[in-house]
Structures are given as structure tokens and as C-alpha cells.
């Protein structure tokens, strides 16, 4: 029963900042990577940022230089600091964690999503 508890979404003005958090709870082991994806209405899900267990990061082109992903391995938590937000960043943001479930089979887990709305 792995759950990803997300927080930090909301409404923000263009140019503002938000910090998303996602904590993985339950029986998950040997997390390989954590990350954030987003999906806007009528669009495909897209990569926002990922971070591996060793700290290697990857960002979607549209957020490079504005967003920063980080993690706390001891807490199985991933963060996304979002600065200089644009209206185009408006989307549902989904946390994703890759690790091993109770069967030790690699498994990706998804959060329920948190709405980020950037609007004046």
C-alpha cells in the first residue's frame, strides 16, 4: 500500500513561486528515482523533472532554469521548487516514484496529482 502524499499546489500569480512536496509512504524499497510530471487539459503528460537515488537530475526543456528538483532519501520525499512561473505551467502535477514494491518487482507509483494554476 504505497501512497504518494503530495502538497504545495495552488493558485499563484505569474512570476510567483510554489514548492511541491511528495512523500512516499508504505512498503516501497530501493527507490531508483523520483520525479514530477504534469498534464494540462488537452495535452499529453510531460516530464517536468526527475532525480535519481544518486542525485542525477533531468529537466524538461520548458522548465530548465526555473524549476529545481531535490530529494530527501531518508524521508522518501521529493521536492519541486518552481520559480518564475508562467501561465503555461498551469497543469496537474503528478509525483512519480520508481522503486520496489513488496514483491521486490520494480514498480512506478503515481500520486493523485496536485493542481498548479498560474494566473493573474
C-alpha atoms as a PDB file:
ATOM      1  CA  UNK A   1       0.000   0.000   0.000  1.00  0.00           C
ATOM      2  CA  UNK A   2       2.310   2.657  -1.276  1.00  0.00           C
ATOM      3  CA  UNK A   3       0.927   6.145  -1.241  1.00  0.00           C
ATOM      4  CA  UNK A   4       2.418   9.332  -2.537  1.00  0.00           C
ATOM      5  CA  UNK A   5       1.321  12.286  -0.478  1.00  0.00           C
ATOM      6  CA  UNK A   6       1.573  15.487  -2.458  1.00  0.00           C
ATOM      7  CA  UNK A   7       1.294  19.017  -1.224  1.00  0.00           C
ATOM      8  CA  UNK A   8       2.076  22.555  -2.238  1.00  0.00           C
ATOM      9  CA  UNK A   9      -0.120  23.120  -5.246  1.00  0.00           C
ATOM     10  CA  UNK A  10      -2.371  26.086  -5.592  1.00  0.00           C
ATOM     11  CA  UNK A  11      -3.000  29.354  -7.330  1.00  0.00           C
ATOM     12  CA  UNK A  12      -0.133  31.715  -7.930  1.00  0.00           C
ATOM     13  CA  UNK A  13       0.453  34.886  -9.915  1.00  0.00           C
ATOM     14  CA  UNK A  14       2.700  34.840 -12.967  1.00  0.00           C
ATOM     15  CA  UNK A  15       6.269  35.239 -11.838  1.00  0.00           C
ATOM     16  CA  UNK A  16       5.487  33.709  -8.493  1.00  0.00           C
ATOM     17  CA  UNK A  17       6.793  30.595  -6.850  1.00  0.00           C
ATOM     18  CA  UNK A  18       5.486  27.363  -5.446  1.00  0.00           C
ATOM     19  CA  UNK A  19       7.143  24.429  -3.779  1.00  0.00           C
ATOM     20  CA  UNK A  20       5.690  20.992  -4.249  1.00  0.00           C
ATOM     21  CA  UNK A  21       6.415  18.106  -1.936  1.00  0.00           C
ATOM     22  CA  UNK A  22       5.772  14.422  -2.363  1.00  0.00           C
ATOM     23  CA  UNK A  23       6.384  11.834   0.302  1.00  0.00           C
ATOM     24  CA  UNK A  24       6.265   8.143  -0.480  1.00  0.00           C
ATOM     25  CA  UNK A  25       4.831   6.089   2.341  1.00  0.00           C
ATOM     26  CA  UNK A  26       4.219   2.411   2.725  1.00  0.00           C
ATOM     27  CA  UNK A  27       6.127  -0.608   1.603  1.00  0.00           C
ATOM     28  CA  UNK A  28       8.457   0.737  -1.007  1.00  0.00           C
ATOM     29  CA  UNK A  29      12.098  -0.180  -1.156  1.00  0.00           C
ATOM     30  CA  UNK A  30      15.211   0.766  -3.043  1.00  0.00           C
ATOM     31  CA  UNK A  31      13.814   3.843  -4.701  1.00  0.00           C
ATOM     32  CA  UNK A  32      15.552   4.364  -8.029  1.00  0.00           C
ATOM     33  CA  UNK A  33      14.214   7.734  -8.948  1.00  0.00           C
ATOM     34  CA  UNK A  34      11.625  10.306  -8.060  1.00  0.00           C
ATOM     35  CA  UNK A  35      10.125  12.948 -10.196  1.00  0.00           C
ATOM     36  CA  UNK A  36       7.347  15.179 -11.338  1.00  0.00           C
ATOM     37  CA  UNK A  37       5.245  15.102 -14.456  1.00  0.00           C
ATOM     38  CA  UNK A  38       2.434  17.363 -15.471  1.00  0.00           C
ATOM     39  CA  UNK A  39      -0.566  17.334 -17.695  1.00  0.00           C
ATOM     40  CA  UNK A  40      -2.558  20.283 -18.903  1.00  0.00           C
ATOM     41  CA  UNK A  41      -6.046  19.978 -20.373  1.00  0.00           C
ATOM     42  CA  UNK A  42      -5.900  18.683 -23.914  1.00  0.00           C
ATOM     43  CA  UNK A  43      -2.207  17.934 -23.713  1.00  0.00           C
ATOM     44  CA  UNK A  44      -0.083  14.886 -23.183  1.00  0.00           C
ATOM     45  CA  UNK A  45       1.640  14.235 -19.926  1.00  0.00           C
ATOM     46  CA  UNK A  46       5.120  15.678 -19.983  1.00  0.00           C
ATOM     47  CA  UNK A  47       8.258  15.390 -17.969  1.00  0.00           C
ATOM     48  CA  UNK A  48       8.939  18.162 -15.519  1.00  0.00           C
ATOM     49  CA  UNK A  49      11.927  16.852 -13.607  1.00  0.00           C
ATOM     50  CA  UNK A  50      13.384  13.672 -12.228  1.00  0.00           C
ATOM     51  CA  UNK A  51      16.109  12.875  -9.764  1.00  0.00           C
ATOM     52  CA  UNK A  52      17.807   9.542  -9.259  1.00  0.00           C
ATOM     53  CA  UNK A  53      18.776   7.978  -5.982  1.00  0.00           C
ATOM     54  CA  UNK A  54      22.295   9.250  -6.564  1.00  0.00           C
ATOM     55  CA  UNK A  55      21.209  12.796  -7.236  1.00  0.00           C
ATOM     56  CA  UNK A  56      21.312  12.933 -11.016  1.00  0.00           C
ATOM     57  CA  UNK A  57      18.677  15.327 -12.290  1.00  0.00           C
ATOM     58  CA  UNK A  58      16.841  15.709 -15.542  1.00  0.00           C
ATOM     59  CA  UNK A  59      14.539  18.551 -16.525  1.00  0.00           C
ATOM     60  CA  UNK A  60      12.069  19.180 -19.220  1.00  0.00           C
ATOM     61  CA  UNK A  61      13.218  21.875 -21.599  1.00  0.00           C
ATOM     62  CA  UNK A  62      10.398  24.208 -20.706  1.00  0.00           C
ATOM     63  CA  UNK A  63      11.319  24.359 -17.021  1.00  0.00           C
ATOM     64  CA  UNK A  64      15.097  24.429 -17.139  1.00  0.00           C
ATOM     65  CA  UNK A  65      16.494  27.317 -15.182  1.00  0.00           C
ATOM     66  CA  UNK A  66      13.224  27.909 -13.365  1.00  0.00           C
ATOM     67  CA  UNK A  67      12.462  24.695 -11.526  1.00  0.00           C
ATOM     68  CA  UNK A  68      14.679  22.760  -9.166  1.00  0.00           C
ATOM     69  CA  UNK A  69      14.103  19.213  -8.057  1.00  0.00           C
ATOM     70  CA  UNK A  70      15.585  17.835  -4.875  1.00  0.00           C
ATOM     71  CA  UNK A  71      15.114  14.885  -2.622  1.00  0.00           C
ATOM     72  CA  UNK A  72      15.482  13.625   0.892  1.00  0.00           C
ATOM     73  CA  UNK A  73      16.304   9.966   0.588  1.00  0.00           C
ATOM     74  CA  UNK A  74      15.889   9.265   4.274  1.00  0.00           C
ATOM     75  CA  UNK A  75      12.331  10.554   4.127  1.00  0.00           C
ATOM     76  CA  UNK A  76      11.481   9.195   0.675  1.00  0.00           C
ATOM     77  CA  UNK A  77      10.466  12.690  -0.251  1.00  0.00           C
ATOM     78  CA  UNK A  78      10.921  14.672  -3.433  1.00  0.00           C
ATOM     79  CA  UNK A  79      10.514  18.405  -3.807  1.00  0.00           C
ATOM     80  CA  UNK A  80       9.974  20.683  -6.726  1.00  0.00           C
ATOM     81  CA  UNK A  81      10.811  24.333  -6.303  1.00  0.00           C
ATOM     82  CA  UNK A  82       9.057  26.271  -9.036  1.00  0.00           C
ATOM     83  CA  UNK A  83      10.124  29.838  -9.655  1.00  0.00           C
ATOM     84  CA  UNK A  84       9.235  32.379 -12.297  1.00  0.00           C
ATOM     85  CA  UNK A  85       6.017  30.591 -13.016  1.00  0.00           C
ATOM     86  CA  UNK A  86       4.260  31.165 -16.317  1.00  0.00           C
ATOM     87  CA  UNK A  87       0.611  30.637 -17.188  1.00  0.00           C
ATOM     88  CA  UNK A  88       1.862  27.827 -19.399  1.00  0.00           C
ATOM     89  CA  UNK A  89       2.946  25.998 -16.269  1.00  0.00           C
ATOM     90  CA  UNK A  90      -0.685  25.552 -15.315  1.00  0.00           C
ATOM     91  CA  UNK A  91      -1.330  21.838 -15.076  1.00  0.00           C
ATOM     92  CA  UNK A  92      -1.956  18.968 -12.776  1.00  0.00           C
ATOM     93  CA  UNK A  93       1.377  17.918 -11.385  1.00  0.00           C
ATOM     94  CA  UNK A  94       1.890  14.262 -10.640  1.00  0.00           C
ATOM     95  CA  UNK A  95       4.540  12.837  -8.406  1.00  0.00           C
ATOM     96  CA  UNK A  96       6.201   9.659  -9.590  1.00  0.00           C
ATOM     97  CA  UNK A  97       8.413   7.301  -7.645  1.00  0.00           C
ATOM     98  CA  UNK A  98      10.210   4.299  -9.041  1.00  0.00           C
ATOM     99  CA  UNK A  99      11.194   1.597  -6.643  1.00  0.00           C
ATOM    100  CA  UNK A 100      10.486  -1.884  -5.453  1.00  0.00           C
ATOM    101  CA  UNK A 101       7.181  -2.901  -4.004  1.00  0.00           C
ATOM    102  CA  UNK A 102       6.532  -5.699  -1.526  1.00  0.00           C
ATOM    103  CA  UNK A 103       7.273  -8.287  -4.196  1.00  0.00           C
ATOM    104  CA  UNK A 104      10.580  -6.554  -4.953  1.00  0.00           C
ATOM    105  CA  UNK A 105       9.466  -6.127  -8.542  1.00  0.00           C
ATOM    106  CA  UNK A 106      10.255  -2.705  -9.953  1.00  0.00           C
ATOM    107  CA  UNK A 107       7.202  -0.537  -9.854  1.00  0.00           C
ATOM    108  CA  UNK A 108       6.300   3.022 -10.636  1.00  0.00           C
ATOM    109  CA  UNK A 109       3.923   4.738  -8.288  1.00  0.00           C
ATOM    110  CA  UNK A 110       1.927   7.833  -9.049  1.00  0.00           C
ATOM    111  CA  UNK A 111       0.427  10.454  -6.856  1.00  0.00           C
ATOM    112  CA  UNK A 112      -3.120  11.640  -7.291  1.00  0.00           C
ATOM    113  CA  UNK A 113      -1.931  14.925  -8.681  1.00  0.00           C
ATOM    114  CA  UNK A 114      -1.964  18.440  -7.390  1.00  0.00           C
ATOM    115  CA  UNK A 115      -3.309  21.386  -9.332  1.00  0.00           C
ATOM    116  CA  UNK A 116      -0.997  24.265 -10.088  1.00  0.00           C
ATOM    117  CA  UNK A 117      -2.670  27.293 -11.586  1.00  0.00           C
ATOM    118  CA  UNK A 118      -0.683  30.311 -12.701  1.00  0.00           C
ATOM    119  CA  UNK A 119      -2.976  33.191 -13.456  1.00  0.00           C
ATOM    120  CA  UNK A 120      -3.369  36.880 -12.852  1.00  0.00           C
END
